[in-house]
Amino acid sequence: VGRERLWAFEPAHLDEARRALEAISQQWDRALLR
C-alpha cells in the first residue's frame, strides 16, 4: 500500500496444521485405547 507493506495472517495453513494434529491425536487415542 503505497510505500508500505501490510501483513495479514493467513489462517489456511494453520488450519491444515490443526487438522494434521487432530488426525495424529485420534491415532494416539485409538492406540491408547488398544
PDB file of all heavy atoms in Angstrom:
ATOM      1  N   VAL A   1       0.873  -1.169   0.000  1.00  0.00           N
ATOM      2  CA  VAL A   1       0.000   0.000   0.000  1.00  0.00           C
ATOM      3  C   VAL A   1       0.911   1.219   0.000  1.00  0.00           C
ATOM      4  O   VAL A   1       1.521   1.541   1.026  1.00  0.00           O
ATOM      5  CB  VAL A   1      -0.936   0.017   1.224  1.00  0.00           C
ATOM      6  CG1 VAL A   1      -1.798   1.272   1.220  1.00  0.00           C
ATOM      7  CG2 VAL A   1      -1.784  -1.245   1.271  1.00  0.00           C
ATOM      8  N   GLY A   2       1.042   1.833  -1.155  1.00  0.00           N
ATOM      9  CA  GLY A   2       1.971   2.957  -1.268  1.00  0.00           C
ATOM     10  C   GLY A   2       3.392   2.466  -1.038  1.00  0.00           C
ATOM     11  O   GLY A   2       3.852   1.532  -1.695  1.00  0.00           O
ATOM     12  N   ARG A   3       4.082   3.076  -0.095  1.00  0.00           N
ATOM     13  CA  ARG A   3       5.457   2.674   0.212  1.00  0.00           C
ATOM     14  C   ARG A   3       5.520   1.635   1.330  1.00  0.00           C
ATOM     15  O   ARG A   3       6.584   1.176   1.680  1.00  0.00           O
ATOM     16  CB  ARG A   3       6.274   3.906   0.618  1.00  0.00           C
ATOM     17  CG  ARG A   3       6.406   4.905  -0.496  1.00  0.00           C
ATOM     18  CD  ARG A   3       7.250   6.086  -0.151  1.00  0.00           C
ATOM     19  NE  ARG A   3       7.386   6.341   1.275  1.00  0.00           N
ATOM     20  CZ  ARG A   3       7.987   7.373   1.793  1.00  0.00           C
ATOM     21  NH1 ARG A   3       8.506   8.275   1.015  1.00  0.00           N
ATOM     22  NH2 ARG A   3       8.076   7.539   3.084  1.00  0.00           N
ATOM     23  N   GLU A   4       4.380   1.289   1.879  1.00  0.00           N
ATOM     24  CA  GLU A   4       4.344   0.341   2.997  1.00  0.00           C
ATOM     25  C   GLU A   4       3.928  -1.042   2.541  1.00  0.00           C
ATOM     26  O   GLU A   4       3.278  -1.219   1.524  1.00  0.00           O
ATOM     27  CB  GLU A   4       3.349   0.813   4.068  1.00  0.00           C
ATOM     28  CG  GLU A   4       3.750   2.063   4.768  1.00  0.00           C
ATOM     29  CD  GLU A   4       2.770   2.383   5.887  1.00  0.00           C
ATOM     30  OE1 GLU A   4       1.564   2.111   5.727  1.00  0.00           O
ATOM     31  OE2 GLU A   4       3.221   2.900   6.901  1.00  0.00           O
ATOM     32  N   ARG A   5       4.320  -2.016   3.333  1.00  0.00           N
ATOM     33  CA  ARG A   5       3.841  -3.388   3.167  1.00  0.00           C
ATOM     34  C   ARG A   5       3.052  -3.733   4.409  1.00  0.00           C
ATOM     35  O   ARG A   5       3.550  -3.653   5.517  1.00  0.00           O
ATOM     36  CB  ARG A   5       5.022  -4.348   3.052  1.00  0.00           C
ATOM     37  CG  ARG A   5       5.263  -4.693   1.659  1.00  0.00           C
ATOM     38  CD  ARG A   5       6.240  -5.818   1.474  1.00  0.00           C
ATOM     39  NE  ARG A   5       6.874  -5.625   0.209  1.00  0.00           N
ATOM     40  CZ  ARG A   5       6.288  -5.845  -0.966  1.00  0.00           C
ATOM     41  NH1 ARG A   5       5.076  -6.292  -1.017  1.00  0.00           N
ATOM     42  NH2 ARG A   5       6.920  -5.618  -2.082  1.00  0.00           N
ATOM     43  N   LEU A   6       1.805  -4.114   4.187  1.00  0.00           N
ATOM     44  CA  LEU A   6       0.945  -4.504   5.300  1.00  0.00           C
ATOM     45  C   LEU A   6       0.871  -6.027   5.318  1.00  0.00           C
ATOM     46  O   LEU A   6       0.693  -6.662   4.275  1.00  0.00           O
ATOM     47  CB  LEU A   6      -0.448  -3.895   5.142  1.00  0.00           C
ATOM     48  CG  LEU A   6      -0.490  -2.371   5.020  1.00  0.00           C
ATOM     49  CD1 LEU A   6      -1.918  -1.905   4.798  1.00  0.00           C
ATOM     50  CD2 LEU A   6       0.119  -1.722   6.248  1.00  0.00           C
ATOM     51  N   TRP A   7       0.991  -6.589   6.503  1.00  0.00           N
ATOM     52  CA  TRP A   7       0.999  -8.042   6.652  1.00  0.00           C
ATOM     53  C   TRP A   7      -0.291  -8.484   7.307  1.00  0.00           C
ATOM     54  O   TRP A   7      -0.776  -7.869   8.254  1.00  0.00           O
ATOM     55  CB  TRP A   7       2.204  -8.474   7.495  1.00  0.00           C
ATOM     56  CG  TRP A   7       3.485  -8.211   6.788  1.00  0.00           C
ATOM     57  CD1 TRP A   7       4.238  -7.063   6.847  1.00  0.00           C
ATOM     58  CD2 TRP A   7       4.146  -9.077   5.882  1.00  0.00           C
ATOM     59  NE1 TRP A   7       5.333  -7.187   6.030  1.00  0.00           N
ATOM     60  CE2 TRP A   7       5.305  -8.409   5.431  1.00  0.00           C
ATOM     61  CE3 TRP A   7       3.884 -10.344   5.395  1.00  0.00           C
ATOM     62  CZ2 TRP A   7       6.195  -8.978   4.524  1.00  0.00           C
ATOM     63  CZ3 TRP A   7       4.775 -10.920   4.502  1.00  0.00           C
ATOM     64  CH2 TRP A   7       5.911 -10.233   4.070  1.00  0.00           C
ATOM     65  N   ALA A   8      -0.841  -9.572   6.790  1.00  0.00           N
ATOM     66  CA  ALA A   8      -2.081 -10.127   7.348  1.00  0.00           C
ATOM     67  C   ALA A   8      -1.882 -11.615   7.591  1.00  0.00           C
ATOM     68  O   ALA A   8      -1.188 -12.302   6.835  1.00  0.00           O
ATOM     69  CB  ALA A   8      -3.239  -9.907   6.376  1.00  0.00           C
ATOM     70  N   PHE A   9      -2.479 -12.091   8.646  1.00  0.00           N
ATOM     71  CA  PHE A   9      -2.428 -13.511   8.994  1.00  0.00           C
ATOM     72  C   PHE A   9      -3.190 -14.308   7.944  1.00  0.00           C
ATOM     73  O   PHE A   9      -4.272 -13.916   7.513  1.00  0.00           O
ATOM     74  CB  PHE A   9      -3.037 -13.707  10.386  1.00  0.00           C
ATOM     75  CG  PHE A   9      -3.145 -15.133  10.808  1.00  0.00           C
ATOM     76  CD1 PHE A   9      -2.011 -15.906  10.981  1.00  0.00           C
ATOM     77  CD2 PHE A   9      -4.382 -15.710  11.026  1.00  0.00           C
ATOM     78  CE1 PHE A   9      -2.108 -17.222  11.375  1.00  0.00           C
ATOM     79  CE2 PHE A   9      -4.490 -17.024  11.424  1.00  0.00           C
ATOM     80  CZ  PHE A   9      -3.348 -17.780  11.593  1.00  0.00           C
ATOM     81  N   GLU A  10      -2.650 -15.436   7.534  1.00  0.00           N
ATOM     82  CA  GLU A  10      -3.267 -16.321   6.543  1.00  0.00           C
ATOM     83  C   GLU A  10      -3.589 -17.638   7.241  1.00  0.00           C
ATOM     84  O   GLU A  10      -2.724 -18.490   7.407  1.00  0.00           O
ATOM     85  CB  GLU A  10      -2.308 -16.536   5.370  1.00  0.00           C
ATOM     86  CG  GLU A  10      -2.900 -17.277   4.211  1.00  0.00           C
ATOM     87  CD  GLU A  10      -4.056 -16.537   3.560  1.00  0.00           C
ATOM     88  OE1 GLU A  10      -3.896 -15.360   3.209  1.00  0.00           O
ATOM     89  OE2 GLU A  10      -5.126 -17.149   3.430  1.00  0.00           O
ATOM     90  N   PRO A  11      -4.831 -17.832   7.681  1.00  0.00           N
ATOM     91  CA  PRO A  11      -5.152 -18.984   8.532  1.00  0.00           C
ATOM     92  C   PRO A  11      -5.196 -20.338   7.815  1.00  0.00           C
ATOM     93  O   PRO A  11      -5.192 -21.364   8.475  1.00  0.00           O
ATOM     94  CB  PRO A  11      -6.533 -18.627   9.083  1.00  0.00           C
ATOM     95  CG  PRO A  11      -7.130 -17.723   8.075  1.00  0.00           C
ATOM     96  CD  PRO A  11      -5.975 -16.950   7.477  1.00  0.00           C
ATOM     97  N   ALA A  12      -5.194 -20.375   6.501  1.00  0.00           N
ATOM     98  CA  ALA A  12      -5.372 -21.644   5.785  1.00  0.00           C
ATOM     99  C   ALA A  12      -4.322 -22.679   6.163  1.00  0.00           C
ATOM    100  O   ALA A  12      -4.652 -23.840   6.435  1.00  0.00           O
ATOM    101  CB  ALA A  12      -5.367 -21.402   4.276  1.00  0.00           C
ATOM    102  N   HIS A  13      -3.050 -22.280   6.195  1.00  0.00           N
ATOM    103  CA  HIS A  13      -2.001 -23.249   6.512  1.00  0.00           C
ATOM    104  C   HIS A  13      -2.042 -23.663   7.984  1.00  0.00           C
ATOM    105  O   HIS A  13      -1.724 -24.795   8.321  1.00  0.00           O
ATOM    106  CB  HIS A  13      -0.623 -22.703   6.153  1.00  0.00           C
ATOM    107  CG  HIS A  13      -0.399 -22.643   4.679  1.00  0.00           C
ATOM    108  ND1 HIS A  13      -0.111 -23.753   3.930  1.00  0.00           N
ATOM    109  CD2 HIS A  13      -0.460 -21.611   3.811  1.00  0.00           C
ATOM    110  CE1 HIS A  13       0.011 -23.412   2.666  1.00  0.00           C
ATOM    111  NE2 HIS A  13      -0.203 -22.109   2.560  1.00  0.00           N
ATOM    112  N   LEU A  14      -2.456 -22.748   8.841  1.00  0.00           N
ATOM    113  CA  LEU A  14      -2.586 -23.089  10.250  1.00  0.00           C
ATOM    114  C   LEU A  14      -3.733 -24.070  10.441  1.00  0.00           C
ATOM    115  O   LEU A  14      -3.633 -25.006  11.236  1.00  0.00           O
ATOM    116  CB  LEU A  14      -2.808 -21.815  11.071  1.00  0.00           C
ATOM    117  CG  LEU A  14      -2.400 -21.860  12.521  1.00  0.00           C
ATOM    118  CD1 LEU A  14      -0.976 -22.335  12.699  1.00  0.00           C
ATOM    119  CD2 LEU A  14      -2.587 -20.511  13.157  1.00  0.00           C
ATOM    120  N   ASP A  15      -4.807 -23.890   9.693  1.00  0.00           N
ATOM    121  CA  ASP A  15      -5.920 -24.843   9.739  1.00  0.00           C
ATOM    122  C   ASP A  15      -5.465 -26.222   9.264  1.00  0.00           C
ATOM    123  O   ASP A  15      -5.853 -27.245   9.820  1.00  0.00           O
ATOM    124  CB  ASP A  15      -7.095 -24.360   8.883  1.00  0.00           C
ATOM    125  CG  ASP A  15      -7.815 -23.166   9.485  1.00  0.00           C
ATOM    126  OD1 ASP A  15      -7.695 -22.959  10.713  1.00  0.00           O
ATOM    127  OD2 ASP A  15      -8.498 -22.451   8.732  1.00  0.00           O
ATOM    128  N   GLU A  16      -4.639 -26.236   8.229  1.00  0.00           N
ATOM    129  CA  GLU A  16      -4.088 -27.502   7.724  1.00  0.00           C
ATOM    130  C   GLU A  16      -3.255 -28.190   8.803  1.00  0.00           C
ATOM    131  O   GLU A  16      -3.373 -29.397   9.021  1.00  0.00           O
ATOM    132  CB  GLU A  16      -3.232 -27.210   6.494  1.00  0.00           C
ATOM    133  CG  GLU A  16      -2.626 -28.409   5.835  1.00  0.00           C
ATOM    134  CD  GLU A  16      -1.769 -27.999   4.638  1.00  0.00           C
ATOM    135  OE1 GLU A  16      -2.136 -27.048   3.926  1.00  0.00           O
ATOM    136  OE2 GLU A  16      -0.730 -28.645   4.442  1.00  0.00           O
ATOM    137  N   ALA A  17      -2.437 -27.418   9.503  1.00  0.00           N
ATOM    138  CA  ALA A  17      -1.619 -27.977  10.583  1.00  0.00           C
ATOM    139  C   ALA A  17      -2.504 -28.497  11.719  1.00  0.00           C
ATOM    140  O   ALA A  17      -2.245 -29.565  12.283  1.00  0.00           O
ATOM    141  CB  ALA A  17      -0.646 -26.925  11.107  1.00  0.00           C
ATOM    142  N   ARG A  18      -3.568 -27.751  12.021  1.00  0.00           N
ATOM    143  CA  ARG A  18      -4.506 -28.178  13.080  1.00  0.00           C
ATOM    144  C   ARG A  18      -5.154 -29.504  12.715  1.00  0.00           C
ATOM    145  O   ARG A  18      -5.263 -30.414  13.529  1.00  0.00           O
ATOM    146  CB  ARG A  18      -5.571 -27.106  13.319  1.00  0.00           C
ATOM    147  CG  ARG A  18      -6.584 -27.478  14.398  1.00  0.00           C
ATOM    148  CD  ARG A  18      -7.751 -26.505  14.459  1.00  0.00           C
ATOM    149  NE  ARG A  18      -8.358 -26.188  13.186  1.00  0.00           N
ATOM    150  CZ  ARG A  18      -9.204 -26.996  12.516  1.00  0.00           C
ATOM    151  NH1 ARG A  18      -9.513 -28.175  13.013  1.00  0.00           N
ATOM    152  NH2 ARG A  18      -9.719 -26.626  11.364  1.00  0.00           N
ATOM    153  N   ARG A  19      -5.574 -29.645  11.450  1.00  0.00           N
ATOM    154  CA  ARG A  19      -6.191 -30.899  11.008  1.00  0.00           C
ATOM    155  C   ARG A  19      -5.201 -32.066  11.096  1.00  0.00           C
ATOM    156  O   ARG A  19      -5.573 -33.167  11.502  1.00  0.00           O
ATOM    157  CB  ARG A  19      -6.729 -30.752   9.574  1.00  0.00           C
ATOM    158  CG  ARG A  19      -8.004 -29.927   9.503  1.00  0.00           C
ATOM    159  CD  ARG A  19      -8.650 -29.992   8.130  1.00  0.00           C
ATOM    160  NE  ARG A  19      -7.782 -29.496   7.066  1.00  0.00           N
ATOM    161  CZ  ARG A  19      -7.699 -28.220   6.691  1.00  0.00           C
ATOM    162  NH1 ARG A  19      -8.428 -27.313   7.303  1.00  0.00           N
ATOM    163  NH2 ARG A  19      -6.904 -27.857   5.707  1.00  0.00           N
ATOM    164  N   ALA A  20      -3.952 -31.813  10.751  1.00  0.00           N
ATOM    165  CA  ALA A  20      -2.931 -32.862  10.840  1.00  0.00           C
ATOM    166  C   ALA A  20      -2.728 -33.274  12.291  1.00  0.00           C
ATOM    167  O   ALA A  20      -2.637 -34.471  12.604  1.00  0.00           O
ATOM    168  CB  ALA A  20      -1.615 -32.382  10.230  1.00  0.00           C
ATOM    169  N   LEU A  21      -2.687 -32.298  13.199  1.00  0.00           N
ATOM    170  CA  LEU A  21      -2.520 -32.610  14.621  1.00  0.00           C
ATOM    171  C   LEU A  21      -3.727 -33.363  15.169  1.00  0.00           C
ATOM    172  O   LEU A  21      -3.583 -34.266  15.992  1.00  0.00           O
ATOM    173  CB  LEU A  21      -2.273 -31.335  15.428  1.00  0.00           C
ATOM    174  CG  LEU A  21      -0.907 -30.688  15.235  1.00  0.00           C
ATOM    175  CD1 LEU A  21      -0.846 -29.353  15.964  1.00  0.00           C
ATOM    176  CD2 LEU A  21       0.195 -31.618  15.708  1.00  0.00           C
ATOM    177  N   GLU A  22      -4.917 -33.003  14.711  1.00  0.00           N
ATOM    178  CA  GLU A  22      -6.118 -33.716  15.148  1.00  0.00           C
ATOM    179  C   GLU A  22      -6.090 -35.170  14.680  1.00  0.00           C
ATOM    180  O   GLU A  22      -6.462 -36.077  15.432  1.00  0.00           O
ATOM    181  CB  GLU A  22      -7.369 -33.019  14.633  1.00  0.00           C
ATOM    182  CG  GLU A  22      -7.701 -31.750  15.383  1.00  0.00           C
ATOM    183  CD  GLU A  22      -8.888 -31.001  14.787  1.00  0.00           C
ATOM    184  OE1 GLU A  22      -9.425 -31.434  13.740  1.00  0.00           O
ATOM    185  OE2 GLU A  22      -9.269 -29.977  15.371  1.00  0.00           O
ATOM    186  N   ALA A  23      -5.632 -35.403  13.461  1.00  0.00           N
ATOM    187  CA  ALA A  23      -5.535 -36.776  12.947  1.00  0.00           C
ATOM    188  C   ALA A  23      -4.536 -37.583  13.770  1.00  0.00           C
ATOM    189  O   ALA A  23      -4.806 -38.735  14.132  1.00  0.00           O
ATOM    190  CB  ALA A  23      -5.130 -36.762  11.473  1.00  0.00           C
ATOM    191  N   ILE A  24      -3.415 -36.983  14.095  1.00  0.00           N
ATOM    192  CA  ILE A  24      -2.411 -37.668  14.919  1.00  0.00           C
ATOM    193  C   ILE A  24      -2.983 -37.949  16.305  1.00  0.00           C
ATOM    194  O   ILE A  24      -2.807 -39.035  16.858  1.00  0.00           O
ATOM    195  CB  ILE A  24      -1.122 -36.827  15.011  1.00  0.00           C
ATOM    196  CG1 ILE A  24      -0.436 -36.791  13.640  1.00  0.00           C
ATOM    197  CG2 ILE A  24      -0.181 -37.366  16.082  1.00  0.00           C
ATOM    198  CD1 ILE A  24       0.685 -35.779  13.541  1.00  0.00           C
ATOM    199  N   SER A  25      -3.702 -36.980  16.856  1.00  0.00           N
ATOM    200  CA  SER A  25      -4.310 -37.146  18.172  1.00  0.00           C
ATOM    201  C   SER A  25      -5.302 -38.307  18.175  1.00  0.00           C
ATOM    202  O   SER A  25      -5.328 -39.122  19.117  1.00  0.00           O
ATOM    203  CB  SER A  25      -5.007 -35.851  18.585  1.00  0.00           C
ATOM    204  OG  SER A  25      -5.682 -36.016  19.804  1.00  0.00           O
ATOM    205  N   GLN A  26      -6.106 -38.412  17.124  1.00  0.00           N
ATOM    206  CA  GLN A  26      -7.068 -39.513  17.031  1.00  0.00           C
ATOM    207  C   GLN A  26      -6.352 -40.859  16.933  1.00  0.00           C
ATOM    208  O   GLN A  26      -6.790 -41.839  17.536  1.00  0.00           O
ATOM    209  CB  GLN A  26      -7.990 -39.296  15.836  1.00  0.00           C
ATOM    210  CG  GLN A  26      -8.953 -38.154  16.035  1.00  0.00           C
ATOM    211  CD  GLN A  26      -9.737 -37.836  14.772  1.00  0.00           C
ATOM    212  OE1 GLN A  26      -9.572 -38.479  13.739  1.00  0.00           O
ATOM    213  NE2 GLN A  26     -10.587 -36.822  14.852  1.00  0.00           N
ATOM    214  N   GLN A  27      -5.248 -40.905  16.197  1.00  0.00           N
ATOM    215  CA  GLN A  27      -4.474 -42.142  16.098  1.00  0.00           C
ATOM    216  C   GLN A  27      -3.935 -42.544  17.466  1.00  0.00           C
ATOM    217  O   GLN A  27      -3.987 -43.713  17.844  1.00  0.00           O
ATOM    218  CB  GLN A  27      -3.320 -41.986  15.106  1.00  0.00           C
ATOM    219  CG  GLN A  27      -3.764 -41.872  13.672  1.00  0.00           C
ATOM    220  CD  GLN A  27      -2.620 -41.519  12.738  1.00  0.00           C
ATOM    221  OE1 GLN A  27      -1.529 -41.166  13.178  1.00  0.00           O
ATOM    222  NE2 GLN A  27      -2.866 -41.606  11.444  1.00  0.00           N
ATOM    223  N   TRP A  28      -3.426 -41.566  18.215  1.00  0.00           N
ATOM    224  CA  TRP A  28      -2.906 -41.855  19.554  1.00  0.00           C
ATOM    225  C   TRP A  28      -4.025 -42.307  20.481  1.00  0.00           C
ATOM    226  O   TRP A  28      -3.846 -43.223  21.292  1.00  0.00           O
ATOM    227  CB  TRP A  28      -2.192 -40.626  20.135  1.00  0.00           C
ATOM    228  CG  TRP A  28      -0.756 -40.581  19.744  1.00  0.00           C
ATOM    229  CD1 TRP A  28      -0.187 -39.817  18.777  1.00  0.00           C
ATOM    230  CD2 TRP A  28       0.308 -41.365  20.307  1.00  0.00           C
ATOM    231  NE1 TRP A  28       1.159 -40.070  18.700  1.00  0.00           N
ATOM    232  CE2 TRP A  28       1.485 -41.011  19.634  1.00  0.00           C
ATOM    233  CE3 TRP A  28       0.363 -42.324  21.311  1.00  0.00           C
ATOM    234  CZ2 TRP A  28       2.715 -41.593  19.939  1.00  0.00           C
ATOM    235  CZ3 TRP A  28       1.586 -42.899  21.610  1.00  0.00           C
ATOM    236  CH2 TRP A  28       2.743 -42.530  20.926  1.00  0.00           C
ATOM    237  N   ASP A  29      -5.179 -41.661  20.390  1.00  0.00           N
ATOM    238  CA  ASP A  29      -6.314 -42.062  21.233  1.00  0.00           C
ATOM    239  C   ASP A  29      -6.688 -43.522  20.974  1.00  0.00           C
ATOM    240  O   ASP A  29      -6.903 -44.291  21.914  1.00  0.00           O
ATOM    241  CB  ASP A  29      -7.528 -41.161  20.976  1.00  0.00           C
ATOM    242  CG  ASP A  29      -7.358 -39.762  21.532  1.00  0.00           C
ATOM    243  OD1 ASP A  29      -6.435 -39.547  22.355  1.00  0.00           O
ATOM    244  OD2 ASP A  29      -8.144 -38.873  21.135  1.00  0.00           O
ATOM    245  N   ARG A  30      -6.751 -43.901  19.696  1.00  0.00           N
ATOM    246  CA  ARG A  30      -7.084 -45.294  19.361  1.00  0.00           C
ATOM    247  C   ARG A  30      -6.000 -46.246  19.869  1.00  0.00           C
ATOM    248  O   ARG A  30      -6.305 -47.310  20.420  1.00  0.00           O
ATOM    249  CB  ARG A  30      -7.278 -45.446  17.851  1.00  0.00           C
ATOM    250  CG  ARG A  30      -8.562 -44.802  17.353  1.00  0.00           C
ATOM    251  CD  ARG A  30      -8.865 -45.169  15.909  1.00  0.00           C
ATOM    252  NE  ARG A  30      -7.850 -44.722  14.976  1.00  0.00           N
ATOM    253  CZ  ARG A  30      -7.853 -43.553  14.340  1.00  0.00           C
ATOM    254  NH1 ARG A  30      -8.842 -42.700  14.550  1.00  0.00           N
ATOM    255  NH2 ARG A  30      -6.902 -43.236  13.491  1.00  0.00           N
ATOM    256  N   ALA A  31      -4.738 -45.867  19.702  1.00  0.00           N
ATOM    257  CA  ALA A  31      -3.640 -46.724  20.163  1.00  0.00           C
ATOM    258  C   ALA A  31      -3.669 -46.881  21.680  1.00  0.00           C
ATOM    259  O   ALA A  31      -3.461 -47.979  22.202  1.00  0.00           O
ATOM    260  CB  ALA A  31      -2.289 -46.145  19.712  1.00  0.00           C
ATOM    261  N   LEU A  32      -3.957 -45.796  22.390  1.00  0.00           N
ATOM    262  CA  LEU A  32      -4.021 -45.871  23.852  1.00  0.00           C
ATOM    263  C   LEU A  32      -5.200 -46.715  24.317  1.00  0.00           C
ATOM    264  O   LEU A  32      -5.096 -47.448  25.312  1.00  0.00           O
ATOM    265  CB  LEU A  32      -4.084 -44.462  24.451  1.00  0.00           C
ATOM    266  CG  LEU A  32      -2.790 -43.662  24.346  1.00  0.00           C
ATOM    267  CD1 LEU A  32      -3.008 -42.225  24.798  1.00  0.00           C
ATOM    268  CD2 LEU A  32      -1.668 -44.320  25.152  1.00  0.00           C
ATOM    269  N   LEU A  33      -6.311 -46.632  23.615  1.00  0.00           N
ATOM    270  CA  LEU A  33      -7.452 -47.482  23.965  1.00  0.00           C
ATOM    271  C   LEU A  33      -7.123 -48.957  23.765  1.00  0.00           C
ATOM    272  O   LEU A  33      -7.505 -49.803  24.579  1.00  0.00           O
ATOM    273  CB  LEU A  33      -8.686 -47.089  23.137  1.00  0.00           C
ATOM    274  CG  LEU A  33      -9.385 -45.805  23.564  1.00  0.00           C
ATOM    275  CD1 LEU A  33     -10.493 -45.442  22.573  1.00  0.00           C
ATOM    276  CD2 LEU A  33      -9.942 -45.937  24.970  1.00  0.00           C
ATOM    277  N   ARG A  34      -6.405 -49.271  22.670  1.00  0.00           N
ATOM    278  CA  ARG A  34      -5.998 -50.647  22.447  1.00  0.00           C
ATOM    279  C   ARG A  34      -5.039 -51.110  23.546  1.00  0.00           C
ATOM    280  O   ARG A  34      -5.162 -52.233  24.070  1.00  0.00           O
ATOM    281  CB  ARG A  34      -5.341 -50.824  21.069  1.00  0.00           C
ATOM    282  CG  ARG A  34      -6.324 -50.729  19.915  1.00  0.00           C
ATOM    283  CD  ARG A  34      -5.710 -51.164  18.599  1.00  0.00           C
ATOM    284  NE  ARG A  34      -4.492 -50.466  18.254  1.00  0.00           N
ATOM    285  CZ  ARG A  34      -4.416 -49.339  17.537  1.00  0.00           C
ATOM    286  NH1 ARG A  34      -5.525 -48.792  17.066  1.00  0.00           N
ATOM    287  NH2 ARG A  34      -3.264 -48.786  17.258  1.00  0.00           N
TER     288      ARG A  34
END
